[in-house]
């Protein structure tokens, strides 16, 4: 009896895999170059991602709680919806819906509201900064309803509409493959970045700026670590510039005091130095605009991924001295503000459009 049950389960799994393969081939035939995609959430990231998709020839149906955001994208070529129900009805089967709303309750509520209106084999993509354990849970819930769930860690900030977005993807490999035209359009492509020596022997899409990382949760796990590293890199720049600023301290011997031009130092480091990076580019931009960063308070938020990175390090018993220290510095910034915190605030505003509390407020 157990052997019969095992064989029956094996046959059912093979049938399901064959059904999915057939479903994917249909999608590929219909949209090898372009697809219809739904976008929920038209904030800084979502609106620009929709714009990039429209420019890439894809058909975008959009919805946002702010009707003005919907109207703006409609003027740029999207099909607007006035409610989630209308939004879902405007999408052809098999639907692919990208959710780009803040992590936590907003994402949870949006995903579950959509799931109630979606149909078997529809695909729901979470492109926000969700916790990877939430992805694993959601994917199981949606799978029980015959729906597919894909998690996409998205990096690129407000510059992504022109530069492209780095995408870290988790989910069922066949479903992820069916969305390749969307990922390819959103990603930056190879561009002018020199090829990594030895890379010509390897295959895959990493050189194009998007990568399948593994099953549900893997995409957001990789993005979580990406953001943890980002915290550490930003903190290193911030502390370095703070030391430069205080080189003129009256506490130092007079013949060892220096007054530096921070904008020029940032600029010269951009050109040929081993610490050059996009974050340094943004720092140089901020310092060129306002050398004292007087428009920044130094109040630095954290978006959650840094905390989750430290939690993962604890669970894995992996030392993460720099990453944890950079997170704690952000906590401290909300009580006292140094030039280092202003550097951090400036970088966050430049790459992500993150707005801090106004100076003196």
Protein backbone atom coordinates (compact mmCIF):
# COMPACT_ATOMS: atom_id res chain seq x y z
CA UNK A 1 0.00 0.00 0.00
CA UNK A 2 2.82 2.41 0.88
CA UNK A 3 4.55 1.60 -2.42
CA UNK A 4 1.35 2.34 -4.38
CA UNK A 5 0.92 5.64 -2.51
CA UNK A 6 4.53 6.57 -3.23
CA UNK A 7 4.13 5.81 -6.95
CA UNK A 8 0.86 7.74 -7.08
CA UNK A 9 2.50 10.77 -5.43
CA UNK A 10 5.42 10.50 -7.84
CA UNK A 11 3.05 10.41 -10.83
CA UNK A 12 1.10 13.40 -9.49
CA UNK A 13 4.30 15.41 -9.03
CA UNK A 14 5.46 14.56 -12.57
CA UNK A 15 2.06 15.57 -13.94
CA UNK A 16 2.24 18.88 -12.05
CA UNK A 17 5.77 19.55 -13.34
CA UNK A 18 4.67 18.78 -16.91
CA UNK A 19 1.65 21.08 -16.53
CA UNK A 20 3.90 23.91 -15.33
CA UNK A 21 6.36 23.32 -18.19
CA UNK A 22 3.51 23.52 -20.71
CA UNK A 23 2.17 26.66 -19.03
CA UNK A 24 5.61 28.31 -19.21
CA UNK A 25 6.08 27.43 -22.88
CA UNK A 26 2.75 29.14 -23.61
CA UNK A 27 3.96 32.30 -21.85
CA UNK A 28 7.25 32.18 -23.76
CA UNK A 29 5.42 31.83 -27.10
CA UNK A 30 3.16 34.79 -26.32
CA UNK A 31 5.82 37.14 -25.03
CA UNK A 32 9.37 36.18 -25.89
CA UNK A 33 10.21 39.87 -26.18
CA UNK A 34 7.48 41.62 -24.20
CA UNK A 35 4.88 40.76 -21.59
CA UNK A 36 1.95 42.20 -19.71
CA UNK A 37 2.83 42.95 -16.09
CA UNK A 38 0.83 44.46 -13.23
CA UNK A 39 2.55 46.87 -10.84
CA UNK A 40 1.07 47.62 -7.41
CA UNK A 41 2.81 50.49 -5.61
CA UNK A 42 3.97 53.57 -7.52
CA UNK A 43 6.35 55.18 -5.06
CA UNK A 44 9.93 56.17 -5.87
CA UNK A 45 10.89 52.66 -6.95
CA UNK A 46 7.64 51.24 -8.33
CA UNK A 47 6.87 54.18 -10.61
CA UNK A 48 10.35 54.20 -12.13
CA UNK A 49 10.31 50.44 -12.61
CA UNK A 50 7.01 50.75 -14.46
CA UNK A 51 8.54 53.48 -16.63
CA UNK A 52 11.52 51.30 -17.51
CA UNK A 53 9.22 48.39 -18.39
CA UNK A 54 7.04 50.61 -20.60
CA UNK A 55 10.12 51.94 -22.38
CA UNK A 56 11.20 48.33 -22.88
CA UNK A 57 8.00 47.55 -24.75
CA UNK A 58 6.07 45.78 -22.00
CA UNK A 59 2.39 46.42 -21.28
CA UNK A 60 1.96 47.75 -17.74
CA UNK A 61 -1.23 47.83 -15.70
CA UNK A 62 -0.72 49.94 -12.57
CA UNK A 63 -2.42 50.63 -9.25
CA UNK A 64 -1.59 52.81 -6.26
CA UNK A 65 -3.60 54.18 -3.35
CA UNK A 66 -2.57 57.64 -4.56
CA UNK A 67 -4.71 58.26 -7.65
CA UNK A 68 -2.36 61.02 -8.85
CA UNK A 69 0.46 58.47 -9.17
CA UNK A 70 -1.77 56.27 -11.31
CA UNK A 71 -2.78 59.21 -13.53
CA UNK A 72 0.86 60.17 -14.07
CA UNK A 73 1.84 56.67 -15.22
CA UNK A 74 -1.27 56.49 -17.40
CA UNK A 75 -0.07 59.62 -19.20
CA UNK A 76 3.23 57.81 -19.79
CA UNK A 77 1.67 54.76 -21.41
CA UNK A 78 0.45 52.53 -18.58
CA UNK A 79 -3.10 51.26 -18.10
CA UNK A 80 -4.40 52.65 -14.81
CA UNK A 81 -6.76 50.98 -12.34
CA UNK A 82 -8.97 52.56 -9.69
CA UNK A 83 -9.02 49.58 -7.30
CA UNK A 84 -7.31 46.24 -6.76
CA UNK A 85 -10.36 44.46 -8.15
CA UNK A 86 -10.31 46.49 -11.36
CA UNK A 87 -6.53 46.08 -11.51
CA UNK A 88 -6.72 42.27 -11.43
CA UNK A 89 -9.56 42.20 -13.98
CA UNK A 90 -7.49 44.25 -16.43
CA UNK A 91 -4.72 41.64 -16.48
CA UNK A 92 -4.87 38.74 -18.91
CA UNK A 93 -4.42 35.19 -17.73
CA UNK A 94 -1.88 34.01 -16.76
CA UNK A 95 -1.33 37.10 -14.61
CA UNK A 96 2.03 38.36 -13.36
CA UNK A 97 1.70 40.97 -10.60
CA UNK A 98 4.67 42.84 -9.11
CA UNK A 99 4.11 44.26 -5.61
CA UNK A 100 6.33 47.25 -4.77
CA UNK A 101 5.08 48.55 -1.41
CA UNK A 102 6.82 49.00 1.98
CA UNK A 103 7.87 45.78 3.72
CA UNK A 104 5.88 44.46 6.66
CA UNK A 105 2.13 44.96 7.06
CA UNK A 106 1.63 46.89 3.79
CA UNK A 107 3.17 44.05 1.78
CA UNK A 108 1.39 41.36 3.80
CA UNK A 109 -2.01 43.01 3.36
CA UNK A 110 -1.46 43.67 -0.34
CA UNK A 111 -0.27 40.12 -1.08
CA UNK A 112 -3.19 38.53 0.75
CA UNK A 113 -5.75 40.89 -0.82
CA UNK A 114 -4.42 40.08 -4.29
CA UNK A 115 -4.31 36.34 -3.57
CA UNK A 116 -8.06 36.36 -2.92
CA UNK A 117 -8.70 37.68 -6.44
CA UNK A 118 -6.02 35.82 -8.41
CA UNK A 119 -6.52 32.49 -10.16
CA UNK A 120 -4.62 29.22 -10.48
CA UNK A 121 -1.13 29.61 -11.99
CA UNK A 122 -1.08 33.39 -11.55
CA UNK A 123 2.28 34.73 -10.40
CA UNK A 124 2.80 37.19 -7.54
CA UNK A 125 6.17 38.94 -7.31
CA UNK A 126 7.32 40.75 -4.16
CA UNK A 127 10.00 43.21 -5.23
CA UNK A 128 10.22 45.09 -1.93
CA UNK A 129 12.48 44.52 1.06
CA UNK A 130 10.55 41.72 2.76
CA UNK A 131 12.08 39.46 5.40
CA UNK A 132 13.06 36.18 3.73
CA UNK A 133 11.25 34.07 6.34
CA UNK A 134 8.03 35.89 5.42
CA UNK A 135 8.66 34.86 1.81
CA UNK A 136 8.92 31.20 2.77
CA UNK A 137 5.65 31.41 4.70
CA UNK A 138 3.80 33.34 1.98
CA UNK A 139 4.97 31.01 -0.78
CA UNK A 140 3.49 28.04 1.09
CA UNK A 141 0.17 29.82 1.61
CA UNK A 142 -0.05 30.86 -2.03
CA UNK A 143 1.03 27.45 -3.29
CA UNK A 144 -1.91 25.89 -1.43
CA UNK A 145 -4.13 28.16 -3.56
CA UNK A 146 -2.42 27.18 -6.81
CA UNK A 147 -0.53 30.48 -7.03
CA UNK A 148 3.18 31.05 -7.60
CA UNK A 149 5.27 33.40 -5.45
CA UNK A 150 8.56 34.99 -6.49
CA UNK A 151 10.71 37.18 -4.22
CA UNK A 152 12.99 39.76 -5.83
CA UNK A 153 15.55 41.77 -3.92
CA UNK A 154 15.81 45.02 -5.88
CA UNK A 155 18.74 47.43 -5.73
CA UNK A 156 19.16 50.60 -7.74
CA UNK A 157 17.19 53.24 -5.89
CA UNK A 158 15.91 56.32 -7.67
CA UNK A 159 18.64 55.97 -10.32
CA UNK A 160 17.39 52.60 -11.54
CA UNK A 161 15.09 53.98 -14.23
CA UNK A 162 18.21 54.98 -16.20
CA UNK A 163 20.94 52.72 -14.79
CA UNK A 164 18.81 49.61 -14.41
CA UNK A 165 18.10 47.52 -11.31
CA UNK A 166 20.22 44.78 -9.78
CA UNK A 167 17.78 41.90 -9.17
CA UNK A 168 18.27 38.99 -6.75
CA UNK A 169 15.53 36.42 -7.35
CA UNK A 170 14.03 33.52 -5.39
CA UNK A 171 11.24 31.07 -6.21
CA UNK A 172 10.41 28.11 -8.42
CA UNK A 173 13.04 28.00 -11.20
CA UNK A 174 10.49 27.34 -13.97
CA UNK A 175 8.34 30.28 -12.90
CA UNK A 176 11.35 32.58 -12.58
CA UNK A 177 12.43 31.57 -16.09
CA UNK A 178 9.00 32.50 -17.45
CA UNK A 179 9.53 36.06 -16.17
CA UNK A 180 12.91 36.45 -17.84
CA UNK A 181 11.76 39.17 -20.32
CA UNK A 182 10.69 41.33 -17.37
CA UNK A 183 13.91 40.81 -15.42
CA UNK A 184 16.03 41.41 -18.52
CA UNK A 185 14.34 44.76 -19.16
CA UNK A 186 14.64 45.95 -15.57
CA UNK A 187 18.28 44.86 -15.17
CA UNK A 188 21.16 47.10 -16.30
CA UNK A 189 22.71 44.63 -18.74
CA UNK A 190 26.47 44.33 -19.19
CA UNK A 191 26.94 47.98 -20.01
CA UNK A 192 30.48 49.30 -19.87
CA UNK A 193 31.60 47.21 -16.89
CA UNK A 194 34.70 45.19 -17.87
CA UNK A 195 34.22 41.44 -17.87
CA UNK A 196 35.58 39.65 -14.80
CA UNK A 197 38.65 37.58 -15.80
CA UNK A 198 37.62 33.92 -16.04
CA UNK A 199 33.94 34.81 -16.33
CA UNK A 200 33.83 33.78 -20.00
CA UNK A 201 33.87 30.14 -18.83
CA UNK A 202 30.71 30.64 -16.78
CA UNK A 203 27.08 30.83 -17.85
CA UNK A 204 24.00 32.51 -16.41
CA UNK A 205 22.54 35.99 -16.14
CA UNK A 206 24.70 37.50 -13.38
CA UNK A 207 26.62 39.60 -15.92
CA UNK A 208 23.31 41.07 -17.07
CA UNK A 209 22.55 42.31 -13.55
CA UNK A 210 19.95 39.75 -12.46
CA UNK A 211 20.36 36.36 -10.82
CA UNK A 212 18.26 33.39 -9.77
CA UNK A 213 19.52 32.78 -6.23
CA UNK A 214 17.47 29.74 -5.16
CA UNK A 215 14.06 28.72 -3.76
CA UNK A 216 11.57 30.99 -1.99
CA UNK A 217 13.28 33.53 0.25
CA UNK A 218 16.70 33.21 -1.41
CA UNK A 219 16.35 36.45 -3.35
CA UNK A 220 15.49 38.53 -0.33
CA UNK A 221 18.14 36.74 1.76
CA UNK A 222 20.84 37.83 -0.72
CA UNK A 223 19.39 41.37 -0.80
CA UNK A 224 19.39 41.41 3.02
CA UNK A 225 23.12 40.67 3.08
CA UNK A 226 23.65 43.23 0.30
CA UNK A 227 22.07 45.90 2.50
CA UNK A 228 24.07 44.78 5.53
CA UNK A 229 27.27 45.24 3.51
CA UNK A 230 25.95 48.61 2.32
CA UNK A 231 25.66 49.72 5.96
CA UNK A 232 29.30 48.78 6.59
CA UNK A 233 30.62 50.49 3.46
CA UNK A 234 28.69 53.68 4.17
CA UNK A 235 29.91 53.72 7.76
CA UNK A 236 33.54 53.38 6.66
CA UNK A 237 33.24 56.41 4.36
CA UNK A 238 31.38 58.37 7.04
CA UNK A 239 34.00 57.73 9.72
CA UNK A 240 36.85 58.53 7.33
CA UNK A 241 35.40 61.93 6.43
CA UNK A 242 34.67 62.63 10.10
CA UNK A 243 38.37 62.09 10.91
CA UNK A 244 39.32 64.42 8.05
CA UNK A 245 36.94 67.06 9.37
CA UNK A 246 38.37 66.90 12.88
CA UNK A 247 41.98 67.11 11.69
CA UNK A 248 41.68 70.86 12.43
CA UNK A 249 40.75 70.28 16.07
CA UNK A 250 42.22 72.72 18.58
CA UNK A 251 43.01 69.71 20.74
CA UNK A 252 45.82 68.83 18.30
CA UNK A 253 49.27 70.48 18.24
CA UNK A 254 49.13 73.51 15.96
CA UNK A 255 51.72 72.15 13.52
CA UNK A 256 49.69 68.94 13.13
CA UNK A 257 46.38 70.58 12.31
CA UNK A 258 44.98 70.40 8.79
CA UNK A 259 41.99 71.98 7.09
CA UNK A 260 40.82 69.82 4.20
CA UNK A 261 38.49 70.37 1.28
CA UNK A 262 36.19 67.36 1.61
CA UNK A 263 34.58 67.78 -1.81
CA UNK A 264 38.00 67.73 -3.50
CA UNK A 265 39.15 64.72 -1.50
CA UNK A 266 36.02 62.79 -2.41
CA UNK A 267 36.57 63.77 -6.04
CA UNK A 268 40.21 62.71 -6.20
CA UNK A 269 39.37 59.37 -4.53
CA UNK A 270 36.82 58.74 -7.30
CA UNK A 271 39.63 58.71 -9.86
CA UNK A 272 41.83 55.64 -9.74
CA UNK A 273 41.80 54.96 -6.00
CA UNK A 274 41.03 51.58 -4.45
CA UNK A 275 38.13 53.07 -2.47
CA UNK A 276 36.28 54.39 -5.53
CA UNK A 277 32.64 53.27 -5.73
CA UNK A 278 29.13 54.47 -6.55
CA UNK A 279 28.60 55.34 -2.88
CA UNK A 280 31.70 57.54 -3.05
CA UNK A 281 30.32 59.13 -6.24
CA UNK A 282 27.17 60.07 -4.36
CA UNK A 283 29.19 61.37 -1.40
CA UNK A 284 31.23 63.56 -3.74
CA UNK A 285 28.01 64.88 -5.27
CA UNK A 286 26.57 65.78 -1.86
CA UNK A 287 29.79 67.49 -0.73
CA UNK A 288 30.06 69.47 -3.98
CA UNK A 289 26.53 70.77 -3.42
CA UNK A 290 27.02 71.55 0.28
CA UNK A 291 30.55 71.07 1.72
CA UNK A 292 29.37 71.36 5.35
CA UNK A 293 26.24 69.23 4.80
CA UNK A 294 24.38 71.86 6.81
CA UNK A 295 21.06 70.80 5.30
CA UNK A 296 21.35 67.37 6.95
CA UNK A 297 20.71 66.67 10.63
CA UNK A 298 22.59 63.37 10.69
CA UNK A 299 19.48 61.47 11.81
CA UNK A 300 19.94 58.10 10.06
CA UNK A 301 17.12 55.60 9.73
CA UNK A 302 17.55 51.87 9.21
CA UNK A 303 15.13 50.03 6.94
CA UNK A 304 15.23 46.64 8.66
CA UNK A 305 17.59 44.62 6.49
CA UNK A 306 20.59 45.57 8.63
CA UNK A 307 18.90 44.15 11.72
CA UNK A 308 17.89 41.00 9.85
CA UNK A 309 21.47 40.56 8.64
CA UNK A 310 22.72 40.60 12.22
CA UNK A 311 19.97 38.17 13.24
CA UNK A 312 21.08 35.80 10.46
CA UNK A 313 24.70 36.13 11.60
CA UNK A 314 23.65 35.19 15.14
CA UNK A 315 21.64 32.19 13.89
CA UNK A 316 24.62 31.03 11.81
CA UNK A 317 27.18 31.85 14.55
CA UNK A 318 29.09 34.04 12.08
CA UNK A 319 31.05 37.02 13.48
CA UNK A 320 29.84 40.29 11.90
CA UNK A 321 31.72 42.96 13.83
CA UNK A 322 31.68 45.70 11.19
CA UNK A 323 28.08 45.19 10.11
CA UNK A 324 26.72 45.14 13.65
CA UNK A 325 28.76 48.22 14.63
CA UNK A 326 27.44 50.13 11.61
CA UNK A 327 23.87 49.29 12.61
CA UNK A 328 24.44 50.46 16.19
CA UNK A 329 25.89 53.71 14.87
CA UNK A 330 22.59 54.38 13.12
CA UNK A 331 20.83 53.88 16.44
CA UNK A 332 23.21 56.38 18.06
CA UNK A 333 22.64 58.92 15.27
CA UNK A 334 19.11 59.46 16.53
CA UNK A 335 20.46 60.81 19.82
CA UNK A 336 23.58 62.77 18.79
CA UNK A 337 24.69 63.85 15.34
CA UNK A 338 28.29 63.96 14.09
CA UNK A 339 29.61 64.84 10.65
CA UNK A 340 29.81 61.09 10.01
CA UNK A 341 26.06 60.79 10.42
CA UNK A 342 25.55 63.70 8.02
CA UNK A 343 27.67 61.85 5.45
CA UNK A 344 25.44 58.80 5.94
CA UNK A 345 22.28 60.89 5.55
CA UNK A 346 23.65 62.50 2.41
CA UNK A 347 24.44 59.12 0.81
CA UNK A 348 20.99 57.72 1.65
CA UNK A 349 19.29 60.78 0.18
CA UNK A 350 21.36 60.57 -3.00
CA UNK A 351 20.92 56.88 -3.81
CA UNK A 352 17.43 56.27 -2.51
CA UNK A 353 15.74 59.62 -2.10
CA UNK A 354 15.41 58.90 1.63
CA UNK A 355 14.28 62.08 3.38
CA UNK A 356 15.40 62.71 6.96
CA UNK A 357 13.87 65.04 9.50
CA UNK A 358 14.73 68.67 8.59
CA UNK A 359 17.62 70.35 10.38
CA UNK A 360 16.40 72.04 13.53
CA UNK A 361 13.14 70.09 13.39
